[in-house]
């Protein structure tokens, strides 16, 4: 039986929400092994004038705990 754990992290990108999610997984994978899935919990963006300057996400990352 596999034991799974979920962590919640925030990440950002200047290009898109999709890239922000990719950044979250890439950064988490540096210290967390066996990542199985990512769930986007929240998306928001910073705006300056009439342009989005920063895309932000809060994600839940699920990984398998090694016994």
PDB file of N, CA and C in Angstrom:
ATOM      1  N   UNK A   1       0.846  -1.180   0.000  1.00  0.00           N
ATOM      2  CA  UNK A   1       0.000   0.000   0.000  1.00  0.00           C
ATOM      3  C   UNK A   1       0.894   1.248   0.000  1.00  0.00           C
ATOM      4  N   UNK A   2       0.578   2.177  -0.856  1.00  0.00           N
ATOM      5  CA  UNK A   2       1.340   3.418  -0.949  1.00  0.00           C
ATOM      6  C   UNK A   2       0.789   4.456   0.023  1.00  0.00           C
ATOM      7  N   UNK A   3       1.695   5.218   0.610  1.00  0.00           N
ATOM      8  CA  UNK A   3       1.313   6.321   1.474  1.00  0.00           C
ATOM      9  C   UNK A   3       1.612   7.613   0.719  1.00  0.00           C
ATOM     10  N   UNK A   4       0.600   8.466   0.612  1.00  0.00           N
ATOM     11  CA  UNK A   4       0.737   9.712  -0.120  1.00  0.00           C
ATOM     12  C   UNK A   4       0.696  10.886   0.845  1.00  0.00           C
ATOM     13  N   UNK A   5       1.401  11.953   0.483  1.00  0.00           N
ATOM     14  CA  UNK A   5       1.400  13.175   1.280  1.00  0.00           C
ATOM     15  C   UNK A   5       1.126  14.348   0.350  1.00  0.00           C
ATOM     16  N   UNK A   6       0.473  15.382   0.872  1.00  0.00           N
ATOM     17  CA  UNK A   6       0.145  16.564   0.079  1.00  0.00           C
ATOM     18  C   UNK A   6       0.754  17.792   0.744  1.00  0.00           C
ATOM     19  N   UNK A   7       1.437  18.599  -0.068  1.00  0.00           N
ATOM     20  CA  UNK A   7       1.956  19.873   0.412  1.00  0.00           C
ATOM     21  C   UNK A   7       1.345  20.985  -0.430  1.00  0.00           C
ATOM     22  N   UNK A   8       1.256  22.156   0.132  1.00  0.00           N
ATOM     23  CA  UNK A   8       0.693  23.309  -0.572  1.00  0.00           C
ATOM     24  C   UNK A   8       1.794  24.347  -0.731  1.00  0.00           C
ATOM     25  N   UNK A   9       2.005  24.796  -1.973  1.00  0.00           N
ATOM     26  CA  UNK A   9       3.035  25.793  -2.220  1.00  0.00           C
ATOM     27  C   UNK A   9       2.521  26.881  -3.160  1.00  0.00           C
ATOM     28  N   UNK A  10       3.223  27.995  -3.158  1.00  0.00           N
ATOM     29  CA  UNK A  10       2.916  29.116  -4.048  1.00  0.00           C
ATOM     30  C   UNK A  10       4.057  29.267  -5.044  1.00  0.00           C
ATOM     31  N   UNK A  11       3.714  29.684  -6.261  1.00  0.00           N
ATOM     32  CA  UNK A  11       4.732  29.932  -7.287  1.00  0.00           C
ATOM     33  C   UNK A  11       4.234  31.035  -8.205  1.00  0.00           C
ATOM     34  N   UNK A  12       5.165  31.595  -8.987  1.00  0.00           N
ATOM     35  CA  UNK A  12       4.771  32.678  -9.892  1.00  0.00           C
ATOM     36  C   UNK A  12       5.510  32.587 -11.210  1.00  0.00           C
ATOM     37  N   UNK A  13       5.069  33.402 -12.161  1.00  0.00           N
ATOM     38  CA  UNK A  13       5.683  33.509 -13.481  1.00  0.00           C
ATOM     39  C   UNK A  13       5.321  34.863 -14.061  1.00  0.00           C
ATOM     40  N   UNK A  14       6.187  35.388 -14.891  1.00  0.00           N
ATOM     41  CA  UNK A  14       5.880  36.629 -15.599  1.00  0.00           C
ATOM     42  C   UNK A  14       5.155  36.354 -16.911  1.00  0.00           C
ATOM     43  N   UNK A  15       5.057  35.062 -17.313  1.00  0.00           N
ATOM     44  CA  UNK A  15       4.486  34.716 -18.621  1.00  0.00           C
ATOM     45  C   UNK A  15       3.058  34.186 -18.570  1.00  0.00           C
ATOM     46  N   UNK A  16       2.773  33.213 -17.646  1.00  0.00           N
ATOM     47  CA  UNK A  16       1.451  32.572 -17.656  1.00  0.00           C
ATOM     48  C   UNK A  16       1.216  31.780 -16.374  1.00  0.00           C
ATOM     49  N   UNK A  17      -0.059  31.416 -16.171  1.00  0.00           N
ATOM     50  CA  UNK A  17      -0.382  30.551 -15.040  1.00  0.00           C
ATOM     51  C   UNK A  17       0.197  29.157 -15.269  1.00  0.00           C
ATOM     52  N   UNK A  18       0.168  28.708 -16.512  1.00  0.00           N
ATOM     53  CA  UNK A  18       0.725  27.392 -16.822  1.00  0.00           C
ATOM     54  C   UNK A  18       2.209  27.335 -16.446  1.00  0.00           C
ATOM     55  N   UNK A  19       2.950  28.360 -16.792  1.00  0.00           N
ATOM     56  CA  UNK A  19       4.367  28.389 -16.429  1.00  0.00           C
ATOM     57  C   UNK A  19       4.551  28.481 -14.915  1.00  0.00           C
ATOM     58  N   UNK A  20       3.668  29.172 -14.230  1.00  0.00           N
ATOM     59  CA  UNK A  20       3.744  29.252 -12.771  1.00  0.00           C
ATOM     60  C   UNK A  20       3.582  27.859 -12.150  1.00  0.00           C
ATOM     61  N   UNK A  21       2.654  27.064 -12.690  1.00  0.00           N
ATOM     62  CA  UNK A  21       2.470  25.695 -12.198  1.00  0.00           C
ATOM     63  C   UNK A  21       3.717  24.865 -12.480  1.00  0.00           C
ATOM     64  N   UNK A  22       4.265  24.997 -13.667  1.00  0.00           N
ATOM     65  CA  UNK A  22       5.492  24.271 -14.005  1.00  0.00           C
ATOM     66  C   UNK A  22       6.631  24.674 -13.072  1.00  0.00           C
ATOM     67  N   UNK A  23       6.720  25.956 -12.748  1.00  0.00           N
ATOM     68  CA  UNK A  23       7.749  26.422 -11.815  1.00  0.00           C
ATOM     69  C   UNK A  23       7.562  25.809 -10.436  1.00  0.00           C
ATOM     70  N   UNK A  24       6.307  25.675 -10.007  1.00  0.00           N
ATOM     71  CA  UNK A  24       6.025  25.070  -8.697  1.00  0.00           C
ATOM     72  C   UNK A  24       6.518  23.634  -8.651  1.00  0.00           C
ATOM     73  N   UNK A  25       6.202  22.869  -9.691  1.00  0.00           N
ATOM     74  CA  UNK A  25       6.610  21.460  -9.729  1.00  0.00           C
ATOM     75  C   UNK A  25       8.131  21.352  -9.827  1.00  0.00           C
ATOM     76  N   UNK A  26       8.740  22.160 -10.669  1.00  0.00           N
ATOM     77  CA  UNK A  26      10.193  22.120 -10.851  1.00  0.00           C
ATOM     78  C   UNK A  26      10.918  22.439  -9.542  1.00  0.00           C
ATOM     79  N   UNK A  27      10.453  23.463  -8.845  1.00  0.00           N
ATOM     80  CA  UNK A  27      11.090  23.850  -7.587  1.00  0.00           C
ATOM     81  C   UNK A  27      10.859  22.798  -6.510  1.00  0.00           C
ATOM     82  N   UNK A  28       9.630  22.296  -6.403  1.00  0.00           N
ATOM     83  CA  UNK A  28       9.332  21.278  -5.391  1.00  0.00           C
ATOM     84  C   UNK A  28      10.138  20.004  -5.626  1.00  0.00           C
ATOM     85  N   UNK A  29      10.349  19.650  -6.886  1.00  0.00           N
ATOM     86  CA  UNK A  29      11.055  18.403  -7.194  1.00  0.00           C
ATOM     87  C   UNK A  29      12.528  18.430  -6.777  1.00  0.00           C
ATOM     88  N   UNK A  30      13.045  19.600  -6.449  1.00  0.00           N
ATOM     89  CA  UNK A  30      14.427  19.689  -5.964  1.00  0.00           C
ATOM     90  C   UNK A  30      14.580  19.072  -4.575  1.00  0.00           C
ATOM     91  N   UNK A  31      13.501  19.094  -3.782  1.00  0.00           N
ATOM     92  CA  UNK A  31      13.578  18.544  -2.430  1.00  0.00           C
ATOM     93  C   UNK A  31      12.552  17.455  -2.151  1.00  0.00           C
ATOM     94  N   UNK A  32      11.571  17.299  -3.039  1.00  0.00           N
ATOM     95  CA  UNK A  32      10.522  16.287  -2.853  1.00  0.00           C
ATOM     96  C   UNK A  32      10.625  15.281  -3.991  1.00  0.00           C
ATOM     97  N   UNK A  33      10.705  14.011  -3.648  1.00  0.00           N
ATOM     98  CA  UNK A  33      10.791  12.949  -4.664  1.00  0.00           C
ATOM     99  C   UNK A  33       9.432  12.272  -4.831  1.00  0.00           C
ATOM    100  N   UNK A  34       9.260  11.566  -5.917  1.00  0.00           N
ATOM    101  CA  UNK A  34       8.059  10.768  -6.202  1.00  0.00           C
ATOM    102  C   UNK A  34       6.793  11.607  -6.320  1.00  0.00           C
ATOM    103  N   UNK A  35       6.885  12.785  -6.945  1.00  0.00           N
ATOM    104  CA  UNK A  35       5.696  13.616  -7.160  1.00  0.00           C
ATOM    105  C   UNK A  35       4.773  12.889  -8.134  1.00  0.00           C
ATOM    106  N   UNK A  36       3.499  12.789  -7.758  1.00  0.00           N
ATOM    107  CA  UNK A  36       2.524  12.059  -8.570  1.00  0.00           C
ATOM    108  C   UNK A  36       1.501  12.964  -9.239  1.00  0.00           C
ATOM    109  N   UNK A  37       1.167  14.109  -8.615  1.00  0.00           N
ATOM    110  CA  UNK A  37       0.159  14.978  -9.222  1.00  0.00           C
ATOM    111  C   UNK A  37       0.265  16.388  -8.654  1.00  0.00           C
ATOM    112  N   UNK A  38      -0.360  17.315  -9.379  1.00  0.00           N
ATOM    113  CA  UNK A  38      -0.440  18.704  -8.930  1.00  0.00           C
ATOM    114  C   UNK A  38      -1.873  19.168  -9.157  1.00  0.00           C
ATOM    115  N   UNK A  39      -2.424  19.858  -8.168  1.00  0.00           N
ATOM    116  CA  UNK A  39      -3.782  20.381  -8.218  1.00  0.00           C
ATOM    117  C   UNK A  39      -3.705  21.898  -8.038  1.00  0.00           C
ATOM    118  N   UNK A  40      -4.256  22.638  -8.980  1.00  0.00           N
ATOM    119  CA  UNK A  40      -4.247  24.093  -8.887  1.00  0.00           C
ATOM    120  C   UNK A  40      -5.410  24.520  -8.003  1.00  0.00           C
ATOM    121  N   UNK A  41      -5.072  25.066  -6.850  1.00  0.00           N
ATOM    122  CA  UNK A  41      -6.079  25.480  -5.875  1.00  0.00           C
ATOM    123  C   UNK A  41      -6.553  26.907  -6.140  1.00  0.00           C
ATOM    124  N   UNK A  42      -5.613  27.778  -6.517  1.00  0.00           N
ATOM    125  CA  UNK A  42      -5.961  29.194  -6.694  1.00  0.00           C
ATOM    126  C   UNK A  42      -5.055  29.831  -7.732  1.00  0.00           C
ATOM    127  N   UNK A  43      -5.619  30.773  -8.484  1.00  0.00           N
ATOM    128  CA  UNK A  43      -4.855  31.553  -9.456  1.00  0.00           C
ATOM    129  C   UNK A  43      -5.151  33.025  -9.204  1.00  0.00           C
ATOM    130  N   UNK A  44      -4.126  33.872  -9.321  1.00  0.00           N
ATOM    131  CA  UNK A  44      -4.346  35.310  -9.281  1.00  0.00           C
ATOM    132  C   UNK A  44      -3.212  35.986 -10.036  1.00  0.00           C
ATOM    133  N   UNK A  45      -3.362  37.277 -10.258  1.00  0.00           N
ATOM    134  CA  UNK A  45      -2.359  38.003 -11.027  1.00  0.00           C
ATOM    135  C   UNK A  45      -2.236  39.427 -10.506  1.00  0.00           C
ATOM    136  N   UNK A  46      -1.048  39.982 -10.663  1.00  0.00           N
ATOM    137  CA  UNK A  46      -0.809  41.393 -10.365  1.00  0.00           C
ATOM    138  C   UNK A  46      -0.962  42.178 -11.658  1.00  0.00           C
ATOM    139  N   UNK A  47      -1.545  43.360 -11.549  1.00  0.00           N
ATOM    140  CA  UNK A  47      -1.785  44.192 -12.722  1.00  0.00           C
ATOM    141  C   UNK A  47      -1.173  45.566 -12.491  1.00  0.00           C
ATOM    142  N   UNK A  48      -0.550  46.078 -13.532  1.00  0.00           N
ATOM    143  CA  UNK A  48      -0.031  47.445 -13.502  1.00  0.00           C
ATOM    144  C   UNK A  48      -0.547  48.134 -14.762  1.00  0.00           C
ATOM    145  N   UNK A  49      -1.303  49.207 -14.566  1.00  0.00           N
ATOM    146  CA  UNK A  49      -1.917  49.873 -15.713  1.00  0.00           C
ATOM    147  C   UNK A  49      -2.944  48.958 -16.357  1.00  0.00           C
ATOM    148  N   UNK A  50      -2.711  48.610 -17.620  1.00  0.00           N
ATOM    149  CA  UNK A  50      -3.632  47.714 -18.310  1.00  0.00           C
ATOM    150  C   UNK A  50      -2.987  46.372 -18.646  1.00  0.00           C
ATOM    151  N   UNK A  51      -1.895  46.016 -17.935  1.00  0.00           N
ATOM    152  CA  UNK A  51      -1.175  44.780 -18.239  1.00  0.00           C
ATOM    153  C   UNK A  51      -0.959  43.923 -16.995  1.00  0.00           C
ATOM    154  N   UNK A  52      -1.004  42.626 -17.189  1.00  0.00           N
ATOM    155  CA  UNK A  52      -0.668  41.683 -16.120  1.00  0.00           C
ATOM    156  C   UNK A  52       0.852  41.634 -16.013  1.00  0.00           C
ATOM    157  N   UNK A  53       1.353  41.807 -14.799  1.00  0.00           N
ATOM    158  CA  UNK A  53       2.800  41.816 -14.593  1.00  0.00           C
ATOM    159  C   UNK A  53       3.325  40.519 -13.980  1.00  0.00           C
ATOM    160  N   UNK A  54       2.437  39.760 -13.320  1.00  0.00           N
ATOM    161  CA  UNK A  54       2.882  38.575 -12.604  1.00  0.00           C
ATOM    162  C   UNK A  54       1.704  37.626 -12.416  1.00  0.00           C
ATOM    163  N   UNK A  55       1.879  36.371 -12.794  1.00  0.00           N
ATOM    164  CA  UNK A  55       0.864  35.328 -12.599  1.00  0.00           C
ATOM    165  C   UNK A  55       1.260  34.510 -11.384  1.00  0.00           C
ATOM    166  N   UNK A  56       0.300  34.257 -10.509  1.00  0.00           N
ATOM    167  CA  UNK A  56       0.592  33.502  -9.290  1.00  0.00           C
ATOM    168  C   UNK A  56      -0.382  32.344  -9.135  1.00  0.00           C
ATOM    169  N   UNK A  57       0.119  31.244  -8.575  1.00  0.00           N
ATOM    170  CA  UNK A  57      -0.720  30.080  -8.297  1.00  0.00           C
ATOM    171  C   UNK A  57      -0.427  29.555  -6.901  1.00  0.00           C
ATOM    172  N   UNK A  58      -1.431  28.953  -6.328  1.00  0.00           N
ATOM    173  CA  UNK A  58      -1.269  28.134  -5.131  1.00  0.00           C
ATOM    174  C   UNK A  58      -1.652  26.733  -5.575  1.00  0.00           C
ATOM    175  N   UNK A  59      -0.729  25.781  -5.382  1.00  0.00           N
ATOM    176  CA  UNK A  59      -0.966  24.407  -5.828  1.00  0.00           C
ATOM    177  C   UNK A  59      -0.802  23.432  -4.673  1.00  0.00           C
ATOM    178  N   UNK A  60      -1.451  22.286  -4.828  1.00  0.00           N
ATOM    179  CA  UNK A  60      -1.269  21.166  -3.923  1.00  0.00           C
ATOM    180  C   UNK A  60      -0.512  20.099  -4.688  1.00  0.00           C
ATOM    181  N   UNK A  61       0.614  19.691  -4.167  1.00  0.00           N
ATOM    182  CA  UNK A  61       1.439  18.688  -4.811  1.00  0.00           C
ATOM    183  C   UNK A  61       1.357  17.403  -3.988  1.00  0.00           C
ATOM    184  N   UNK A  62       1.018  16.318  -4.665  1.00  0.00           N
ATOM    185  CA  UNK A  62       0.903  15.018  -4.017  1.00  0.00           C
ATOM    186  C   UNK A  62       2.111  14.169  -4.379  1.00  0.00           C
ATOM    187  N   UNK A  63       2.696  13.546  -3.372  1.00  0.00           N
ATOM    188  CA  UNK A  63       3.856  12.681  -3.620  1.00  0.00           C
ATOM    189  C   UNK A  63       3.772  11.440  -2.752  1.00  0.00           C
ATOM    190  N   UNK A  64       4.437  10.396  -3.225  1.00  0.00           N
ATOM    191  CA  UNK A  64       4.441   9.131  -2.504  1.00  0.00           C
ATOM    192  C   UNK A  64       5.571   9.130  -1.479  1.00  0.00           C
ATOM    193  N   UNK A  65       5.243   8.746  -0.255  1.00  0.00           N
ATOM    194  CA  UNK A  65       6.223   8.680   0.826  1.00  0.00           C
ATOM    195  C   UNK A  65       6.891   7.307   0.771  1.00  0.00           C
ATOM    196  N   UNK A  66       8.221   7.320   0.767  1.00  0.00           N
ATOM    197  CA  UNK A  66       8.958   6.056   0.744  1.00  0.00           C
ATOM    198  C   UNK A  66       8.978   5.459   2.136  1.00  0.00           C
ATOM    199  N   UNK A  67       8.736   4.172   2.195  1.00  0.00           N
ATOM    200  CA  UNK A  67       8.714   3.475   3.486  1.00  0.00           C
ATOM    201  C   UNK A  67      10.102   3.094   3.932  1.00  0.00           C
TER     202      UNK A  67
END
